[in-house]
């Protein structure tokens, strides 16, 4: 299966509450219940690396 975003790629995600986060794609998986590719995105917060998990592909934009 071909993915839209590759590991290590810089992206911008928009959370449901409207918050925007710039980060890097850590990895991806395919949700067999919704048939959607989901990504895990690493980002910096207060000097630490945090991860947003299961971000659907349509909530991500390439930087």
N, C-alpha and C. Protein backbone atom coordinates (compact mmCIF):
# COMPACT_ATOMS: atom_id res chain seq x y z
N UNK A 1 0.84 -1.17 0.00
CA UNK A 1 0.00 0.00 0.00
C UNK A 1 0.89 1.24 0.00
N UNK A 2 0.57 2.18 -0.83
CA UNK A 2 1.34 3.41 -0.92
C UNK A 2 0.75 4.45 0.03
N UNK A 3 1.63 5.14 0.75
CA UNK A 3 1.18 6.16 1.69
C UNK A 3 1.45 7.55 1.14
N UNK A 4 0.69 8.52 1.61
CA UNK A 4 0.83 9.89 1.15
C UNK A 4 2.02 10.59 1.81
N UNK A 5 2.30 10.25 3.08
CA UNK A 5 3.38 10.87 3.83
C UNK A 5 4.38 9.80 4.24
N UNK A 6 5.66 10.12 4.14
CA UNK A 6 6.74 9.17 4.45
C UNK A 6 7.29 9.43 5.85
N UNK A 7 7.92 8.41 6.44
CA UNK A 7 8.57 8.56 7.74
C UNK A 7 9.63 9.64 7.65
N UNK A 8 9.68 10.51 8.67
CA UNK A 8 10.66 11.58 8.70
C UNK A 8 10.24 12.85 7.99
N UNK A 9 9.09 12.84 7.34
CA UNK A 9 8.61 14.00 6.60
C UNK A 9 8.00 15.03 7.56
N UNK A 10 8.29 16.32 7.33
CA UNK A 10 7.72 17.41 8.14
C UNK A 10 6.28 17.66 7.69
N UNK A 11 5.38 17.73 8.67
CA UNK A 11 3.96 17.92 8.37
C UNK A 11 3.33 18.87 9.38
N UNK A 12 2.13 19.33 9.05
CA UNK A 12 1.31 20.14 9.95
C UNK A 12 -0.02 19.42 10.13
N UNK A 13 -0.42 19.24 11.39
CA UNK A 13 -1.72 18.60 11.65
C UNK A 13 -2.65 19.59 12.32
N UNK A 14 -3.93 19.39 12.10
CA UNK A 14 -4.96 20.19 12.74
C UNK A 14 -5.79 19.25 13.61
N UNK A 15 -5.75 19.50 14.92
CA UNK A 15 -6.51 18.67 15.85
C UNK A 15 -7.99 19.05 15.81
N UNK A 16 -8.85 18.23 16.39
CA UNK A 16 -10.29 18.49 16.38
C UNK A 16 -10.66 19.81 17.03
N UNK A 17 -9.87 20.23 18.02
CA UNK A 17 -10.17 21.49 18.72
C UNK A 17 -9.62 22.70 17.96
N UNK A 18 -9.03 22.49 16.78
CA UNK A 18 -8.52 23.57 15.96
C UNK A 18 -7.04 23.87 16.18
N UNK A 19 -6.43 23.25 17.18
CA UNK A 19 -5.01 23.47 17.46
C UNK A 19 -4.18 22.94 16.30
N UNK A 20 -3.16 23.71 15.93
CA UNK A 20 -2.26 23.32 14.83
C UNK A 20 -0.91 22.92 15.41
N UNK A 21 -0.39 21.79 14.97
CA UNK A 21 0.89 21.26 15.46
C UNK A 21 1.76 20.94 14.26
N UNK A 22 3.00 21.42 14.31
CA UNK A 22 4.00 21.05 13.30
C UNK A 22 4.85 19.93 13.88
N UNK A 23 5.05 18.89 13.10
CA UNK A 23 5.83 17.76 13.59
C UNK A 23 6.42 16.94 12.46
N UNK A 24 6.85 15.74 12.83
CA UNK A 24 7.50 14.83 11.89
C UNK A 24 6.79 13.48 11.96
N UNK A 25 6.57 12.87 10.81
CA UNK A 25 5.90 11.57 10.75
C UNK A 25 6.81 10.52 11.38
N UNK A 26 6.29 9.84 12.39
CA UNK A 26 7.04 8.77 13.06
C UNK A 26 6.81 7.44 12.34
N UNK A 27 5.55 7.10 12.13
CA UNK A 27 5.19 5.90 11.39
C UNK A 27 3.70 5.98 11.04
N UNK A 28 3.20 4.94 10.39
CA UNK A 28 1.79 4.93 9.99
C UNK A 28 1.24 3.52 10.13
N UNK A 29 -0.08 3.44 10.10
CA UNK A 29 -0.77 2.14 10.17
C UNK A 29 -2.09 2.29 9.42
N UNK A 30 -2.69 1.17 9.13
CA UNK A 30 -3.96 1.14 8.40
C UNK A 30 -5.05 0.69 9.37
N UNK A 31 -6.07 1.51 9.57
CA UNK A 31 -7.17 1.18 10.46
C UNK A 31 -8.15 0.27 9.71
N UNK A 32 -8.23 -0.99 10.12
CA UNK A 32 -9.06 -1.95 9.39
C UNK A 32 -10.56 -1.75 9.64
N UNK A 33 -10.92 -0.95 10.64
CA UNK A 33 -12.33 -0.68 10.90
C UNK A 33 -12.85 0.46 10.02
N UNK A 34 -12.02 1.48 9.80
CA UNK A 34 -12.46 2.64 9.03
C UNK A 34 -11.84 2.69 7.64
N UNK A 35 -10.89 1.80 7.35
CA UNK A 35 -10.19 1.74 6.07
C UNK A 35 -9.47 3.05 5.75
N UNK A 36 -8.88 3.66 6.78
CA UNK A 36 -8.16 4.93 6.65
C UNK A 36 -6.73 4.73 7.15
N UNK A 37 -5.76 5.34 6.44
CA UNK A 37 -4.38 5.34 6.92
C UNK A 37 -4.26 6.36 8.05
N UNK A 38 -3.62 5.95 9.15
CA UNK A 38 -3.43 6.82 10.29
C UNK A 38 -1.95 6.93 10.60
N UNK A 39 -1.53 8.11 11.05
CA UNK A 39 -0.11 8.40 11.27
C UNK A 39 0.14 8.76 12.73
N UNK A 40 1.36 8.48 13.19
CA UNK A 40 1.83 8.95 14.49
C UNK A 40 2.81 10.07 14.21
N UNK A 41 2.59 11.23 14.84
CA UNK A 41 3.37 12.43 14.58
C UNK A 41 4.11 12.85 15.85
N UNK A 42 5.44 12.99 15.74
CA UNK A 42 6.27 13.50 16.84
C UNK A 42 6.38 15.00 16.73
N UNK A 43 6.30 15.70 17.88
CA UNK A 43 6.48 17.14 17.91
C UNK A 43 7.12 17.56 19.23
N UNK A 44 7.69 18.75 19.25
CA UNK A 44 8.34 19.26 20.45
C UNK A 44 7.36 20.09 21.27
N UNK A 45 7.37 19.86 22.60
CA UNK A 45 6.54 20.62 23.52
C UNK A 45 7.31 20.76 24.82
N UNK A 46 7.59 21.98 25.22
CA UNK A 46 8.34 22.26 26.45
C UNK A 46 9.68 21.54 26.48
N UNK A 47 10.34 21.47 25.34
CA UNK A 47 11.66 20.85 25.27
C UNK A 47 11.66 19.33 25.27
N UNK A 48 10.50 18.71 25.18
CA UNK A 48 10.39 17.26 25.15
C UNK A 48 9.67 16.83 23.88
N UNK A 49 9.93 15.60 23.45
CA UNK A 49 9.26 15.05 22.27
C UNK A 49 7.97 14.37 22.72
N UNK A 50 6.86 14.78 22.11
CA UNK A 50 5.55 14.19 22.36
C UNK A 50 5.07 13.55 21.06
N UNK A 51 4.12 12.64 21.17
CA UNK A 51 3.60 11.96 19.99
C UNK A 51 2.07 12.03 19.98
N UNK A 52 1.53 12.46 18.85
CA UNK A 52 0.09 12.39 18.62
C UNK A 52 -0.14 11.12 17.82
N UNK A 53 -1.00 10.23 18.30
CA UNK A 53 -1.20 8.94 17.65
C UNK A 53 -2.52 8.91 16.87
N UNK A 54 -2.55 8.07 15.86
CA UNK A 54 -3.75 7.79 15.07
C UNK A 54 -4.35 9.03 14.41
N UNK A 55 -3.51 9.86 13.82
CA UNK A 55 -3.97 11.05 13.12
C UNK A 55 -4.40 10.62 11.71
N UNK A 56 -5.67 10.85 11.34
CA UNK A 56 -6.11 10.46 10.00
C UNK A 56 -5.42 11.28 8.92
N UNK A 57 -5.24 10.68 7.77
CA UNK A 57 -4.52 11.30 6.66
C UNK A 57 -5.12 12.64 6.24
N UNK A 58 -6.43 12.80 6.33
CA UNK A 58 -7.06 14.04 5.88
C UNK A 58 -6.85 15.21 6.86
N UNK A 59 -6.28 14.96 8.03
CA UNK A 59 -5.97 16.02 9.00
C UNK A 59 -4.53 16.49 8.91
N UNK A 60 -3.79 15.98 7.91
CA UNK A 60 -2.37 16.28 7.78
C UNK A 60 -2.11 17.03 6.49
N UNK A 61 -1.22 18.04 6.59
CA UNK A 61 -0.76 18.77 5.40
C UNK A 61 0.75 18.75 5.38
N UNK A 62 1.31 18.68 4.18
CA UNK A 62 2.76 18.67 4.00
C UNK A 62 3.32 20.07 4.20
N UNK A 63 4.47 20.16 4.87
CA UNK A 63 5.15 21.46 5.02
C UNK A 63 6.16 21.64 3.93
